[in-house]
Protein backbone atom coordinates (compact mmCIF):
# COMPACT_ATOMS: atom_id res chain seq x y z
CA MET A 1 -38.30 56.34 59.21
CA SER A 2 -42.04 56.33 58.55
CA ILE A 3 -43.44 59.75 57.65
CA LYS A 4 -46.74 60.59 59.31
CA ASN A 5 -46.59 64.21 60.52
CA ILE A 6 -45.76 66.95 58.01
CA THR A 7 -45.03 70.63 58.58
CA PHE A 8 -45.87 72.61 55.43
CA ILE A 9 -44.42 76.14 55.27
CA SER A 10 -45.82 78.45 52.60
CA LEU A 11 -46.31 82.20 52.55
CA ASN A 12 -49.47 81.72 50.47
CA TYR A 13 -52.36 79.42 51.36
CA ALA A 14 -56.18 79.25 51.26
CA PRO A 15 -58.33 81.29 51.13
CA GLU A 16 -55.90 82.63 48.51
CA ASP A 17 -57.01 80.76 45.41
CA THR A 18 -54.53 81.93 42.79
CA ALA A 19 -50.90 81.13 41.99
CA ILE A 20 -48.82 79.68 44.85
CA GLY A 21 -51.70 79.84 47.32
CA LEU A 22 -53.81 77.56 45.11
CA TYR A 23 -51.03 75.01 44.58
CA SER A 24 -49.96 74.93 48.22
CA THR A 25 -53.56 74.37 49.30
CA GLN A 26 -54.18 71.57 46.79
CA TRP A 27 -50.88 69.91 47.73
CA VAL A 28 -51.81 69.92 51.42
CA GLU A 29 -55.30 68.60 50.66
CA PHE A 30 -53.79 65.75 48.63
CA LEU A 31 -51.42 64.87 51.50
CA LYS A 32 -54.29 64.91 53.98
CA GLU A 33 -56.38 62.63 51.76
CA ALA A 34 -53.39 60.27 51.55
CA GLY A 35 -53.48 59.91 55.35
CA PHE A 36 -50.83 62.37 56.56
CA ASN A 37 -51.24 64.78 59.47
CA VAL A 38 -50.36 68.21 58.08
CA THR A 39 -49.73 71.45 59.96
CA VAL A 40 -49.49 74.55 57.76
CA VAL A 41 -47.34 77.53 58.75
CA THR A 42 -48.46 80.50 56.66
CA ALA A 43 -49.29 84.19 56.52
CA PHE A 44 -52.56 86.08 56.61
CA PRO A 45 -54.11 86.09 53.11
CA TYR A 46 -53.06 89.17 51.16
CA TYR A 47 -52.27 88.18 47.55
CA PRO A 48 -52.69 89.39 44.82
CA LYS A 49 -54.09 92.67 46.20
CA TRP A 50 -51.12 93.27 48.53
CA GLU A 51 -53.58 93.91 51.34
CA ILE A 52 -54.71 91.72 54.24
CA SER A 53 -58.13 90.36 53.20
CA ALA A 54 -61.14 91.94 54.87
CA ALA A 55 -62.12 88.74 56.72
CA TYR A 56 -58.76 88.71 58.52
CA LYS A 57 -57.98 92.39 59.12
CA ASN A 58 -59.35 92.51 62.67
CA LYS A 59 -57.96 89.17 63.84
CA LYS A 60 -55.10 88.84 66.32
CA LYS A 61 -51.46 88.76 65.25
CA PHE A 62 -51.22 84.98 65.73
CA LEU A 63 -54.11 82.80 64.60
CA LYS A 64 -54.74 79.05 64.79
CA GLU A 65 -57.35 77.55 62.45
CA GLN A 66 -58.71 74.06 61.83
CA THR A 67 -59.65 73.49 58.20
CA ASP A 68 -61.05 70.06 57.32
CA GLY A 69 -58.69 68.35 59.73
CA THR A 70 -55.64 70.45 58.86
CA THR A 71 -54.13 72.77 61.46
CA VAL A 72 -53.20 76.18 60.04
CA LEU A 73 -50.92 78.50 62.04
CA ARG A 74 -50.99 82.06 60.72
CA TYR A 75 -48.99 85.21 61.44
CA LYS A 76 -50.27 88.66 60.46
CA GLN A 77 -47.29 89.92 58.48
CA TYR A 78 -46.50 93.46 57.34
CA VAL A 79 -47.94 93.99 53.83
CA PRO A 80 -46.82 97.03 51.83
CA LYS A 81 -49.45 98.57 49.57
CA SER A 82 -46.72 99.59 47.11
CA PRO A 83 -44.15 96.77 47.32
CA THR A 84 -40.77 98.35 46.63
CA PHE A 85 -37.64 96.22 47.03
CA LEU A 86 -36.94 97.50 50.55
CA LYS A 87 -40.57 97.04 51.62
CA ARG A 88 -40.50 93.48 50.26
CA ILE A 89 -37.48 92.77 52.46
CA ILE A 90 -39.38 94.04 55.51
CA HIS A 91 -42.40 91.97 54.42
CA LEU A 92 -40.18 88.88 54.13
CA SER A 93 -38.42 89.48 57.44
CA ASP A 94 -41.64 90.02 59.38
CA PHE A 95 -43.22 86.83 58.03
CA THR A 96 -40.06 84.89 58.88
CA LEU A 97 -39.97 86.15 62.48
CA GLY A 98 -43.65 85.46 63.14
CA SER A 99 -43.50 82.03 61.50
CA PHE A 100 -40.40 81.16 63.55
CA ILE A 101 -42.54 81.62 66.66
CA ASN A 102 -45.34 79.50 65.15
CA LEU A 103 -42.91 76.65 64.45
CA PHE A 104 -42.47 76.06 68.18
CA LYS A 105 -46.20 75.41 68.58
CA ILE A 106 -45.74 72.18 66.57
CA LYS A 107 -44.98 69.09 68.67
CA LYS A 108 -44.47 66.38 66.01
CA CYS A 109 -42.77 66.48 62.62
CA ASP A 110 -41.35 63.72 60.40
CA LEU A 111 -41.11 65.80 57.23
CA VAL A 112 -41.01 69.55 56.61
CA ILE A 113 -41.86 71.02 53.21
CA SER A 114 -40.80 74.63 52.54
CA VAL A 115 -42.21 76.51 49.56
CA VAL A 116 -40.06 79.26 48.01
CA PRO A 117 -40.72 82.16 47.87
CA PHE A 118 -39.90 83.18 50.49
CA THR A 119 -36.30 81.97 50.46
CA THR A 120 -36.33 82.36 54.24
CA SER A 121 -38.97 79.60 54.34
CA VAL A 122 -35.94 77.35 53.81
CA PHE A 123 -34.42 78.72 57.01
CA LEU A 124 -37.66 77.92 58.84
CA GLY A 125 -37.65 74.43 57.35
CA TYR A 126 -34.06 73.88 58.43
CA ILE A 127 -34.95 74.86 62.01
CA GLN A 128 -37.77 72.30 61.94
CA LYS A 129 -35.46 69.67 60.48
CA LYS A 130 -32.95 70.15 63.31
CA ARG A 131 -35.63 70.23 66.03
CA PHE A 132 -37.18 66.90 65.06
CA LYS A 133 -34.42 65.27 62.98
CA ALA A 134 -37.00 65.34 60.22
CA LYS A 135 -36.60 64.95 56.47
CA PHE A 136 -36.57 68.27 54.61
CA TRP A 137 -38.12 68.98 51.18
CA MET A 138 -37.63 72.41 49.53
CA HIS A 139 -39.99 73.28 46.68
CA ILE A 140 -39.19 76.33 44.55
CA GLN A 141 -42.01 78.15 42.79
CA ASP A 142 -39.83 81.17 42.02
CA PHE A 143 -36.17 82.16 42.45
CA GLU A 144 -37.15 85.44 44.03
CA PHE A 145 -33.68 87.05 44.10
CA ASP A 146 -33.09 86.21 40.42
CA ALA A 147 -36.55 87.53 39.58
CA ALA A 148 -35.91 90.78 41.45
CA LEU A 149 -32.81 91.42 39.34
CA GLN A 150 -34.38 90.38 36.03
CA THR A 151 -37.51 92.47 36.45
CA GLY A 152 -35.68 95.53 37.73
CA VAL A 153 -37.14 95.46 41.27
CA GLY A 154 -33.60 95.27 42.66
CA LYS A 155 -30.36 96.91 41.54
CA LYS A 156 -27.60 95.00 39.82
CA LYS A 157 -24.12 94.77 41.38
CA ASN A 158 -25.49 95.68 44.76
CA ILE A 159 -23.71 94.54 47.93
CA ILE A 160 -27.10 93.61 49.40
CA PHE A 161 -27.71 91.22 46.52
CA SER A 162 -24.27 89.69 46.94
CA LEU A 163 -25.15 88.91 50.53
CA LEU A 164 -28.60 87.61 49.57
CA PHE A 165 -27.17 85.18 47.02
CA LYS A 166 -24.64 83.91 49.57
CA LEU A 167 -27.48 83.37 52.04
CA GLU A 168 -29.49 81.60 49.32
CA LYS A 169 -26.60 79.26 48.52
CA TRP A 170 -26.16 78.35 52.19
CA LEU A 171 -29.87 77.74 52.70
CA PHE A 172 -30.24 75.69 49.51
CA SER A 173 -27.59 73.28 50.81
CA LYS A 174 -29.81 72.20 53.73
CA PRO A 175 -32.73 70.21 52.23
CA ASP A 176 -32.66 66.44 51.67
CA LEU A 177 -34.66 66.92 48.48
CA SER A 178 -35.26 69.97 46.29
CA SER A 179 -37.92 70.34 43.61
CA THR A 180 -39.03 73.03 41.21
CA ILE A 181 -41.65 73.62 38.55
CA SER A 182 -39.87 73.68 35.17
CA ASN A 183 -36.93 72.05 33.44
CA SER A 184 -35.14 75.35 32.99
CA MET A 185 -35.58 76.13 36.69
CA LEU A 186 -34.30 72.63 37.52
CA LYS A 187 -31.13 73.43 35.58
CA ARG A 188 -30.81 76.71 37.46
CA LEU A 189 -31.38 74.90 40.75
CA SER A 190 -28.47 72.55 40.01
CA GLU A 191 -26.24 75.64 39.89
CA LYS A 192 -27.45 76.74 43.31
CA SER A 193 -27.79 73.47 45.24
CA LYS A 194 -26.15 70.04 45.39
CA SER A 195 -29.12 68.40 47.10
CA GLU A 196 -31.09 65.67 45.32
CA GLN A 197 -33.57 67.15 42.86
CA PHE A 198 -37.07 66.31 41.68
CA PHE A 199 -39.19 67.76 38.87
CA LEU A 200 -42.56 68.84 40.32
CA PRO A 201 -44.37 71.10 37.86
CA ASN A 202 -47.53 72.99 38.68
CA TRP A 203 -50.65 71.17 37.63
CA ILE A 204 -54.15 71.75 36.39
CA ASP A 205 -57.37 70.28 37.73
CA ASP A 206 -59.11 69.64 34.41
CA LYS A 207 -62.38 69.00 36.26
CA LYS A 208 -62.26 72.59 37.58
CA ILE A 209 -61.37 74.16 34.21
CA ASP A 210 -63.76 72.48 31.78
CA PRO A 211 -65.10 74.08 28.58
CA GLU A 212 -67.80 71.40 28.32
CA LYS A 213 -69.39 72.57 31.59
CA SER A 214 -68.59 76.27 31.53
CA LYS A 215 -71.06 79.03 30.75
CA THR A 216 -70.48 82.50 29.33
CA HIS A 217 -68.96 84.81 31.90
CA PRO A 218 -70.52 88.30 32.21
CA TYR A 219 -67.12 89.95 31.65
CA LEU A 220 -66.97 88.43 28.16
CA LEU A 221 -70.31 89.10 26.50
CA SER A 222 -68.99 91.16 23.58
CA ASP A 223 -69.76 90.19 19.97
CA LYS A 224 -66.18 91.11 19.08
CA ILE A 225 -63.20 88.73 19.20
CA LYS A 226 -62.62 88.48 22.95
CA ILE A 227 -58.97 88.61 24.09
CA LEU A 228 -58.34 87.83 27.76
CA TYR A 229 -55.48 88.40 30.17
CA SER A 230 -56.19 86.84 33.56
CA GLY A 231 -53.59 86.75 36.32
CA ASN A 232 -51.15 88.76 38.35
CA ILE A 233 -50.57 92.33 37.19
CA GLY A 234 -46.96 92.55 38.29
CA ASP A 235 -43.38 93.23 37.31
CA LYS A 236 -42.77 90.11 35.22
CA GLN A 237 -45.28 91.09 32.56
CA ASP A 238 -44.39 93.69 29.91
CA TRP A 239 -47.23 96.17 30.28
CA GLU A 240 -45.63 98.75 28.00
CA ILE A 241 -45.88 96.21 25.17
CA PHE A 242 -49.44 95.42 26.20
CA ILE A 243 -50.39 99.09 25.76
CA GLN A 244 -48.67 99.13 22.37
CA PHE A 245 -50.66 96.02 21.43
CA CYS A 246 -53.92 97.77 22.41
CA ASN A 247 -52.94 100.70 20.21
CA ASP A 248 -52.24 98.46 17.21
CA ILE A 249 -55.36 96.27 17.14
CA GLU A 250 -58.65 97.26 15.49
CA GLU A 251 -60.97 98.72 18.09
CA SER A 252 -64.08 97.71 16.15
CA LYS A 253 -62.95 94.08 15.85
CA TYR A 254 -61.37 93.16 19.20
CA GLU A 255 -62.40 93.40 22.85
CA VAL A 256 -59.57 93.13 25.41
CA VAL A 257 -60.40 92.14 28.98
CA ILE A 258 -57.95 92.24 31.90
CA VAL A 259 -58.84 90.37 35.09
CA GLY A 260 -56.41 90.42 37.99
CA ASP A 261 -54.58 92.41 40.60
CA GLY A 262 -51.03 93.20 41.60
CA SER A 263 -48.41 95.87 42.06
CA LYS A 264 -48.85 97.36 38.54
CA LYS A 265 -52.65 97.40 38.57
CA ASP A 266 -53.13 101.12 39.28
CA TRP A 267 -50.62 102.06 36.58
CA LEU A 268 -52.35 99.80 34.07
CA VAL A 269 -55.89 100.91 34.88
CA ASN A 270 -54.82 104.52 34.35
CA LYS A 271 -53.20 103.68 31.00
CA ILE A 272 -56.20 101.86 29.52
CA GLU A 273 -58.64 104.71 30.17
CA ASP A 274 -58.00 105.95 26.62
CA PHE A 275 -59.27 102.69 25.06
CA ASP A 276 -62.99 102.05 24.55
CA ASN A 277 -62.38 98.36 23.82
CA VAL A 278 -60.17 97.54 26.83
CA SER A 279 -61.74 96.76 30.23
CA TYR A 280 -60.38 95.93 33.68
CA TYR A 281 -62.06 93.76 36.35
CA GLN A 282 -61.10 92.52 39.80
CA PRO A 283 -60.14 88.82 40.12
CA VAL A 284 -63.04 86.39 40.06
CA PRO A 285 -63.64 83.69 42.70
CA PHE A 286 -62.04 80.35 41.84
CA GLU A 287 -65.44 78.81 41.14
CA GLU A 288 -65.91 81.35 38.29
CA LEU A 289 -62.47 80.82 36.77
CA SER A 290 -63.54 78.10 34.34
CA ASP A 291 -66.37 80.28 33.00
CA LEU A 292 -63.98 83.21 32.63
CA LEU A 293 -61.16 81.36 30.85
CA CYS A 294 -63.45 79.35 28.60
CA SER A 295 -65.48 82.42 27.53
CA ALA A 296 -62.50 84.03 25.79
CA ASP A 297 -61.68 83.47 22.12
CA LEU A 298 -57.98 83.96 22.75
CA HIS A 299 -55.59 84.43 25.67
CA ILE A 300 -52.54 86.69 25.79
CA LEU A 301 -49.44 86.83 27.99
CA PHE A 302 -46.63 89.30 27.38
CA GLN A 303 -43.60 88.43 29.52
CA LYS A 304 -40.55 90.66 29.80
CA PRO A 305 -37.90 89.12 27.50
CA GLU A 306 -35.29 89.05 30.28
CA VAL A 307 -37.44 86.67 32.37
CA ILE A 308 -36.07 83.26 31.39
CA ASP A 309 -35.71 80.53 33.97
CA THR A 310 -37.00 82.11 37.16
CA VAL A 311 -40.61 81.07 36.67
CA MET A 312 -42.97 79.02 34.55
CA PRO A 313 -46.24 81.01 34.68
CA SER A 314 -48.87 78.69 36.12
CA LYS A 315 -51.57 80.77 34.45
CA VAL A 316 -50.49 79.20 31.13
CA LEU A 317 -51.86 75.83 32.30
CA GLY A 318 -55.30 77.33 32.93
CA MET A 319 -55.20 79.11 29.61
CA MET A 320 -54.45 75.85 27.81
CA ALA A 321 -57.03 73.86 29.80
CA SER A 322 -59.74 76.27 28.59
CA ALA A 323 -59.34 74.84 25.07
CA LYS A 324 -58.59 78.30 23.71
CA PRO A 325 -55.23 79.18 22.08
CA SER A 326 -52.86 81.88 23.30
CA ILE A 327 -50.51 84.46 21.91
CA ILE A 328 -47.46 84.75 24.14
CA ILE A 329 -44.39 86.97 23.97
CA GLY A 330 -41.35 85.94 25.99
CA ASN A 331 -37.75 84.83 25.98
CA GLU A 332 -36.77 82.44 23.21
CA ASN A 333 -35.25 80.07 25.79
CA SER A 334 -38.16 80.03 28.21
CA GLU A 335 -40.01 76.96 29.46
CA VAL A 336 -43.26 78.22 27.94
CA LYS A 337 -41.63 78.33 24.51
CA SER A 338 -40.59 74.68 24.82
CA ILE A 339 -44.15 73.71 25.84
CA PHE A 340 -45.64 75.60 22.90
CA ASP A 341 -43.15 73.94 20.54
CA ALA A 342 -44.07 70.50 21.92
CA SER A 343 -47.82 71.05 21.87
CA ASP A 344 -48.25 73.13 18.69
CA ALA A 345 -51.10 74.65 20.65
CA GLY A 346 -50.44 78.37 20.53
CA PHE A 347 -48.43 81.21 19.06
CA TYR A 348 -45.14 82.24 20.64
CA PHE A 349 -43.03 85.31 19.79
CA SER A 350 -39.66 86.35 21.19
CA GLU A 351 -40.42 90.05 20.67
CA TYR A 352 -43.28 92.32 19.83
CA SER A 353 -43.72 93.35 16.20
CA HIS A 354 -46.47 93.62 13.61
CA GLU A 355 -46.09 89.85 13.15
CA VAL A 356 -48.05 89.54 16.40
CA ILE A 357 -50.91 91.63 14.99
CA ASP A 358 -50.76 89.77 11.66
CA CYS A 359 -51.02 86.47 13.55
CA LEU A 360 -53.98 87.77 15.56
CA ASP A 361 -55.79 88.94 12.42
CA ARG A 362 -55.13 85.65 10.62
CA ILE A 363 -56.35 83.32 13.36
CA SER A 364 -59.34 85.49 14.26
CA ARG A 365 -60.61 85.05 10.70
CA ASP A 366 -60.25 81.26 10.91
CA ARG A 367 -62.61 79.85 13.52
CA ILE A 368 -61.71 76.28 12.56
CA LEU A 369 -58.03 76.99 13.28
CA LEU A 370 -58.94 78.57 16.63
CA THR A 371 -60.96 75.49 17.57
CA GLU A 372 -58.26 73.04 16.46
CA LYS A 373 -55.52 74.88 18.33
CA GLY A 374 -57.75 75.03 21.39
CA LYS A 375 -58.29 71.26 21.35
CA LEU A 376 -54.52 70.72 21.10
CA CYS A 377 -54.02 73.02 24.10
CA ARG A 378 -56.38 71.10 26.36
CA SER A 379 -55.24 67.66 25.22
CA PHE A 380 -51.57 68.51 25.84
CA VAL A 381 -52.09 70.03 29.27
CA ILE A 382 -54.22 67.11 30.49
CA ASP A 383 -51.71 64.56 29.20
CA ASN A 384 -48.74 66.29 30.82
CA PHE A 385 -49.94 68.42 33.73
CA SER A 386 -53.07 66.86 35.25
CA LYS A 387 -53.36 67.26 39.01
CA THR A 388 -53.77 63.53 39.68
CA LYS A 389 -50.69 62.54 37.65
CA ILE A 390 -48.40 65.20 39.10
CA LEU A 391 -49.40 64.76 42.76
CA SER A 392 -49.34 60.96 42.53
CA LYS A 393 -45.70 61.16 41.41
CA MET A 394 -45.07 63.58 44.29
CA LEU A 395 -46.50 61.05 46.73
CA GLU A 396 -44.31 58.26 45.35
CA ARG A 397 -41.23 60.43 45.81
CA LEU A 398 -42.28 61.41 49.33
CA LYS A 399 -42.58 57.76 50.32
CA GLU A 400 -39.05 57.15 49.05
CA LEU A 401 -37.82 59.67 51.62
């Protein structure tokens, strides 16, 4: 069967320009440029603020858009301002119901691609597969049920979770091909699904994140050593450790800048009020991201140690592409640890201790070391995670279907 018409199901899509929304959009654009007709089934933009964006608030419940030749079918889903576990379930269910209705507006489909989360996007993909006898590709950005347990959003040994994992197992048996974004997640996927598997990591557009072309961002004008966290402010990051870190560093020497949004933002903003050298800013537009990332002296990411194989933080790729090193805390068995071991481009710790502060003090005194580590970061990420390389391999695998 020749594949021409593709249904692409993703909760997140442009104008969202971070995380899954960015990757889904770039994937669809690549498919369109390769000559495929793509119809996107998605939600109203809401991430990472957990609020329908202002440009869409007054639009009707169902919306059809044409974006550079791509048809986008949207449903205005319920979005909780404070996303508890129960509210997330309602959020998920509402998107699934509305998107189910949107599916039946599509008249041709040779291949359906479902992006997880949501896990119920797989159900929608399976419906489309049966309707058109189409090929079915499931791509997992996050094992959301595993993540909910690991980060404490859900309760362990809960009958609801038992049912959710049974549903997940049934759904994951339906695709013709399954892919995910890290080797550790691929191993986890093999425990959940017997379908054929493909390694499709997130990528970086090194032309969009380029220290040679970037200019100093106004958030990072300090004469101090500038430490940046940019990304989602959510449950996977260890913000208690972050506050401890801010307590332990020298206020006169270091400036810490947080740029992002998410479910823990209000908590974090309240906590940092006591620090004169720690600042918070709203996310920047994508066109400013290169300036932001490349203006830092050092990046930080403090993951909760129990988060192992559920996700490979895509923000790490941007951090590395900026040609600035990072200090990361996370699980010893995580994908990020293996990348840092392979690249020798940053500093990875399995737990927080004064060794982290000692490392920070040592490298901040050695500008040559900072520069050398930064060059290693960028070189490694371009060699292994460039957008053109990753999506070209994706296209080859799609044609094999």
